[in-house]
Amino acid sequence: MDKRAQLVFCTCPDRESAGQLATALVEQHLAACVNILPGIHSVYRWQGEMESANELLLLIKTHSGVYRALERLIVQLHPYELPEIIAVPVENGLPAYLDWISEP
């Protein structure tokens, strides 16, 4: 199984949904750690209209071997019709920390 470290970004509309997602991802061993960053403001176009919203950002530390299952769980639990799920490979980091991320 490929276990390259990844950082996944996901926005949530409120603390309750962010906490529920973070807890489920860690409990189901799909993430080693999830940071919940409050206080972001998003401006975007949705269905042809300009929108803006206050959101929370999840920074999900995981690895490529579990990405598909992580994506399925977010889609299942997320309140948005189209949740933001963006995975970025981790190029470098403290080797022991990257090994820990690959354990889930």
N, C-alpha and C. Protein backbone atom coordinates (compact mmCIF):
# COMPACT_ATOMS: atom_id res chain seq x y z
N MET A 1 0.85 -1.19 0.00
CA MET A 1 0.00 0.00 0.00
C MET A 1 0.89 1.24 0.00
N ASP A 2 0.57 2.18 -0.87
CA ASP A 2 1.27 3.44 -0.96
C ASP A 2 0.91 4.29 0.26
N LYS A 3 1.90 4.78 0.98
CA LYS A 3 1.62 5.55 2.20
C LYS A 3 2.36 6.89 2.19
N ARG A 4 2.28 7.60 1.04
CA ARG A 4 2.88 8.93 1.00
C ARG A 4 2.02 9.89 1.81
N ALA A 5 2.67 10.70 2.64
CA ALA A 5 1.95 11.66 3.48
C ALA A 5 1.21 12.67 2.62
N GLN A 6 0.00 13.02 3.05
CA GLN A 6 -0.82 14.01 2.37
C GLN A 6 -1.42 14.96 3.40
N LEU A 7 -1.67 16.18 2.95
CA LEU A 7 -2.42 17.16 3.72
C LEU A 7 -3.70 17.41 2.94
N VAL A 8 -4.85 17.18 3.57
CA VAL A 8 -6.14 17.35 2.91
C VAL A 8 -6.84 18.56 3.52
N PHE A 9 -7.34 19.44 2.66
CA PHE A 9 -8.08 20.62 3.08
C PHE A 9 -9.57 20.37 2.89
N CYS A 10 -10.36 20.77 3.87
CA CYS A 10 -11.81 20.62 3.79
C CYS A 10 -12.45 21.73 4.62
N THR A 11 -13.34 22.52 4.02
CA THR A 11 -14.03 23.56 4.76
C THR A 11 -15.36 23.03 5.30
N CYS A 12 -15.77 23.58 6.44
CA CYS A 12 -17.03 23.19 7.08
C CYS A 12 -17.79 24.46 7.48
N PRO A 13 -19.12 24.38 7.52
CA PRO A 13 -19.92 25.57 7.82
C PRO A 13 -19.97 25.94 9.30
N ASP A 14 -19.71 24.97 10.19
CA ASP A 14 -19.86 25.25 11.62
C ASP A 14 -19.00 24.30 12.44
N ARG A 15 -18.84 24.65 13.72
CA ARG A 15 -17.99 23.87 14.63
C ARG A 15 -18.52 22.44 14.80
N GLU A 16 -19.83 22.27 14.84
CA GLU A 16 -20.40 20.93 15.04
C GLU A 16 -20.01 19.99 13.90
N SER A 17 -20.22 20.41 12.65
CA SER A 17 -19.88 19.52 11.52
C SER A 17 -18.37 19.32 11.43
N ALA A 18 -17.59 20.36 11.72
CA ALA A 18 -16.13 20.22 11.70
C ALA A 18 -15.67 19.21 12.75
N GLY A 19 -16.20 19.31 13.95
CA GLY A 19 -15.83 18.38 15.02
C GLY A 19 -16.26 16.96 14.72
N GLN A 20 -17.45 16.80 14.16
CA GLN A 20 -17.95 15.47 13.81
C GLN A 20 -17.05 14.82 12.76
N LEU A 21 -16.69 15.58 11.73
CA LEU A 21 -15.82 15.04 10.68
C LEU A 21 -14.44 14.70 11.23
N ALA A 22 -13.85 15.62 11.98
CA ALA A 22 -12.51 15.39 12.53
C ALA A 22 -12.48 14.14 13.40
N THR A 23 -13.46 14.01 14.27
CA THR A 23 -13.53 12.85 15.16
C THR A 23 -13.69 11.56 14.38
N ALA A 24 -14.59 11.53 13.42
CA ALA A 24 -14.82 10.32 12.62
C ALA A 24 -13.56 9.92 11.85
N LEU A 25 -12.86 10.89 11.27
CA LEU A 25 -11.66 10.58 10.49
C LEU A 25 -10.57 9.96 11.36
N VAL A 26 -10.37 10.50 12.55
CA VAL A 26 -9.34 9.97 13.44
C VAL A 26 -9.78 8.63 14.03
N GLU A 27 -11.05 8.53 14.46
CA GLU A 27 -11.55 7.27 15.03
C GLU A 27 -11.46 6.12 14.04
N GLN A 28 -11.71 6.41 12.76
CA GLN A 28 -11.71 5.34 11.74
C GLN A 28 -10.33 5.16 11.11
N HIS A 29 -9.30 5.73 11.72
CA HIS A 29 -7.91 5.58 11.28
C HIS A 29 -7.69 6.06 9.84
N LEU A 30 -8.44 7.08 9.44
CA LEU A 30 -8.26 7.67 8.12
C LEU A 30 -7.41 8.92 8.19
N ALA A 31 -7.13 9.39 9.39
CA ALA A 31 -6.26 10.54 9.60
C ALA A 31 -5.52 10.36 10.91
N ALA A 32 -4.27 10.81 10.92
CA ALA A 32 -3.50 10.77 12.17
C ALA A 32 -3.89 11.94 13.06
N CYS A 33 -4.24 13.07 12.43
CA CYS A 33 -4.54 14.28 13.17
C CYS A 33 -5.37 15.19 12.27
N VAL A 34 -6.29 15.93 12.87
CA VAL A 34 -7.07 16.93 12.14
C VAL A 34 -7.05 18.21 12.96
N ASN A 35 -6.57 19.29 12.36
CA ASN A 35 -6.64 20.61 12.98
C ASN A 35 -7.89 21.30 12.49
N ILE A 36 -8.59 21.99 13.39
CA ILE A 36 -9.78 22.76 13.03
C ILE A 36 -9.42 24.23 13.20
N LEU A 37 -9.38 24.96 12.08
CA LEU A 37 -9.02 26.37 12.09
C LEU A 37 -10.29 27.20 11.92
N PRO A 38 -10.68 27.94 12.95
CA PRO A 38 -11.86 28.79 12.85
C PRO A 38 -11.53 30.12 12.17
N GLY A 39 -12.58 30.87 11.85
CA GLY A 39 -12.41 32.25 11.44
C GLY A 39 -11.97 32.49 10.02
N ILE A 40 -12.25 31.56 9.10
CA ILE A 40 -11.95 31.86 7.71
C ILE A 40 -13.21 32.38 7.03
N HIS A 41 -13.02 33.22 6.06
CA HIS A 41 -14.14 33.76 5.29
C HIS A 41 -13.90 33.41 3.83
N SER A 42 -14.84 32.72 3.22
CA SER A 42 -14.70 32.27 1.84
C SER A 42 -15.59 33.09 0.91
N VAL A 43 -15.05 33.43 -0.24
CA VAL A 43 -15.80 34.09 -1.31
C VAL A 43 -15.70 33.18 -2.52
N TYR A 44 -16.84 32.82 -3.10
CA TYR A 44 -16.84 31.83 -4.18
C TYR A 44 -18.06 32.02 -5.08
N ARG A 45 -18.01 31.34 -6.21
CA ARG A 45 -19.15 31.33 -7.13
C ARG A 45 -19.81 29.96 -7.01
N TRP A 46 -21.11 29.94 -6.80
CA TRP A 46 -21.86 28.68 -6.68
C TRP A 46 -23.12 28.80 -7.50
N GLN A 47 -23.28 27.89 -8.44
CA GLN A 47 -24.45 27.84 -9.32
C GLN A 47 -24.71 29.20 -9.97
N GLY A 48 -23.62 29.82 -10.44
CA GLY A 48 -23.70 31.07 -11.17
C GLY A 48 -23.83 32.33 -10.33
N GLU A 49 -23.86 32.20 -9.02
CA GLU A 49 -24.05 33.35 -8.13
C GLU A 49 -22.81 33.54 -7.26
N MET A 50 -22.47 34.80 -6.98
CA MET A 50 -21.40 35.09 -6.03
C MET A 50 -21.93 34.83 -4.62
N GLU A 51 -21.14 34.15 -3.82
CA GLU A 51 -21.51 33.80 -2.46
C GLU A 51 -20.36 34.14 -1.53
N SER A 52 -20.64 34.22 -0.25
CA SER A 52 -19.59 34.33 0.76
C SER A 52 -20.11 33.66 2.03
N ALA A 53 -19.18 33.13 2.81
CA ALA A 53 -19.58 32.41 4.02
C ALA A 53 -18.43 32.38 5.02
N ASN A 54 -18.77 32.42 6.29
CA ASN A 54 -17.81 32.16 7.35
C ASN A 54 -17.74 30.65 7.52
N GLU A 55 -16.52 30.12 7.54
CA GLU A 55 -16.34 28.68 7.61
C GLU A 55 -15.20 28.34 8.56
N LEU A 56 -15.01 27.05 8.78
CA LEU A 56 -13.86 26.52 9.49
C LEU A 56 -13.11 25.65 8.50
N LEU A 57 -11.79 25.60 8.65
CA LEU A 57 -10.97 24.80 7.75
C LEU A 57 -10.39 23.61 8.50
N LEU A 58 -10.58 22.43 7.94
CA LEU A 58 -9.94 21.24 8.48
C LEU A 58 -8.62 21.02 7.75
N LEU A 59 -7.54 20.85 8.50
CA LEU A 59 -6.25 20.43 7.95
C LEU A 59 -6.07 18.98 8.39
N ILE A 60 -6.23 18.08 7.45
CA ILE A 60 -6.26 16.65 7.73
C ILE A 60 -4.91 16.03 7.35
N LYS A 61 -4.21 15.46 8.34
CA LYS A 61 -2.94 14.79 8.07
C LYS A 61 -3.21 13.31 7.88
N THR A 62 -2.90 12.82 6.68
CA THR A 62 -3.21 11.44 6.34
C THR A 62 -2.16 10.92 5.36
N HIS A 63 -2.46 9.79 4.73
CA HIS A 63 -1.56 9.26 3.69
C HIS A 63 -2.38 8.75 2.51
N SER A 64 -1.70 8.63 1.39
CA SER A 64 -2.37 8.29 0.14
C SER A 64 -3.05 6.93 0.16
N GLY A 65 -2.61 6.02 1.00
CA GLY A 65 -3.20 4.69 1.05
C GLY A 65 -4.64 4.66 1.53
N VAL A 66 -5.07 5.68 2.26
CA VAL A 66 -6.44 5.71 2.78
C VAL A 66 -7.27 6.84 2.16
N TYR A 67 -6.70 7.55 1.17
CA TYR A 67 -7.38 8.72 0.64
C TYR A 67 -8.80 8.42 0.15
N ARG A 68 -9.01 7.41 -0.62
CA ARG A 68 -10.35 7.13 -1.19
C ARG A 68 -11.38 6.90 -0.08
N ALA A 69 -11.01 6.16 0.95
CA ALA A 69 -11.93 5.92 2.06
C ALA A 69 -12.19 7.23 2.81
N LEU A 70 -11.16 8.06 2.99
CA LEU A 70 -11.31 9.36 3.63
C LEU A 70 -12.29 10.22 2.83
N GLU A 71 -12.11 10.26 1.53
CA GLU A 71 -13.00 11.04 0.66
C GLU A 71 -14.45 10.56 0.78
N ARG A 72 -14.66 9.25 0.75
CA ARG A 72 -16.02 8.70 0.87
C ARG A 72 -16.67 9.10 2.19
N LEU A 73 -15.91 9.05 3.28
CA LEU A 73 -16.46 9.39 4.59
C LEU A 73 -16.82 10.88 4.64
N ILE A 74 -15.96 11.73 4.13
CA ILE A 74 -16.28 13.16 4.13
C ILE A 74 -17.55 13.41 3.32
N VAL A 75 -17.65 12.85 2.14
CA VAL A 75 -18.84 13.05 1.30
C VAL A 75 -20.09 12.55 2.03
N GLN A 76 -19.98 11.43 2.73
CA GLN A 76 -21.11 10.85 3.46
C GLN A 76 -21.56 11.75 4.61
N LEU A 77 -20.61 12.31 5.37
CA LEU A 77 -20.96 13.06 6.59
C LEU A 77 -21.10 14.56 6.39
N HIS A 78 -20.55 15.10 5.33
CA HIS A 78 -20.47 16.55 5.16
C HIS A 78 -21.84 17.14 4.81
N PRO A 79 -22.18 18.30 5.40
CA PRO A 79 -23.49 18.90 5.12
C PRO A 79 -23.58 19.59 3.75
N TYR A 80 -22.44 19.90 3.12
CA TYR A 80 -22.47 20.57 1.81
C TYR A 80 -22.81 19.59 0.70
N GLU A 81 -23.50 20.08 -0.31
CA GLU A 81 -23.78 19.28 -1.51
C GLU A 81 -22.48 18.92 -2.22
N LEU A 82 -21.54 19.86 -2.26
CA LEU A 82 -20.24 19.65 -2.89
C LEU A 82 -19.14 20.11 -1.94
N PRO A 83 -18.67 19.23 -1.06
CA PRO A 83 -17.65 19.65 -0.10
C PRO A 83 -16.28 19.87 -0.76
N GLU A 84 -15.54 20.80 -0.21
CA GLU A 84 -14.16 21.00 -0.64
C GLU A 84 -13.33 19.86 -0.07
N ILE A 85 -12.67 19.12 -0.95
CA ILE A 85 -11.73 18.07 -0.54
C ILE A 85 -10.55 18.18 -1.49
N ILE A 86 -9.45 18.71 -0.99
CA ILE A 86 -8.25 18.91 -1.81
C ILE A 86 -7.08 18.27 -1.08
N ALA A 87 -6.45 17.29 -1.74
CA ALA A 87 -5.30 16.60 -1.16
C ALA A 87 -4.02 17.10 -1.81
N VAL A 88 -3.04 17.41 -0.97
CA VAL A 88 -1.75 17.91 -1.42
C VAL A 88 -0.67 16.97 -0.88
N PRO A 89 0.22 16.50 -1.75
CA PRO A 89 1.29 15.64 -1.24
C PRO A 89 2.26 16.43 -0.37
N VAL A 90 2.78 15.78 0.65
CA VAL A 90 3.77 16.40 1.53
C VAL A 90 5.14 16.04 0.96
N GLU A 91 5.88 17.06 0.56
CA GLU A 91 7.19 16.84 -0.06
C GLU A 91 8.27 16.53 0.97
N ASN A 92 8.25 17.23 2.09
CA ASN A 92 9.27 17.07 3.12
C ASN A 92 8.66 17.29 4.48
N GLY A 93 9.34 16.82 5.49
CA GLY A 93 8.91 17.01 6.86
C GLY A 93 9.80 16.20 7.78
N LEU A 94 9.61 16.38 9.08
CA LEU A 94 10.36 15.61 10.05
C LEU A 94 10.08 14.12 9.81
N PRO A 95 11.09 13.31 9.50
CA PRO A 95 10.84 11.91 9.15
C PRO A 95 9.99 11.16 10.18
N ALA A 96 10.24 11.35 11.46
CA ALA A 96 9.46 10.64 12.48
C ALA A 96 7.99 11.06 12.44
N TYR A 97 7.74 12.34 12.18
CA TYR A 97 6.35 12.83 12.09
C TYR A 97 5.66 12.25 10.86
N LEU A 98 6.36 12.23 9.74
CA LEU A 98 5.78 11.65 8.52
C LEU A 98 5.50 10.16 8.69
N ASP A 99 6.37 9.46 9.40
CA ASP A 99 6.11 8.05 9.70
C ASP A 99 4.84 7.89 10.53
N TRP A 100 4.67 8.78 11.51
CA TRP A 100 3.47 8.74 12.36
C TRP A 100 2.21 8.95 11.54
N ILE A 101 2.25 9.89 10.60
CA ILE A 101 1.09 10.14 9.73
C ILE A 101 0.73 8.88 8.95
N SER A 102 1.71 8.12 8.56
CA SER A 102 1.48 6.93 7.73
C SER A 102 0.96 5.74 8.52
N GLU A 103 0.83 5.86 9.84
CA GLU A 103 0.35 4.74 10.65
C GLU A 103 -1.15 4.47 10.53
N PRO A 104 -2.02 5.50 10.30
CA PRO A 104 -3.47 5.19 10.33
C PRO A 104 -3.86 4.07 9.41
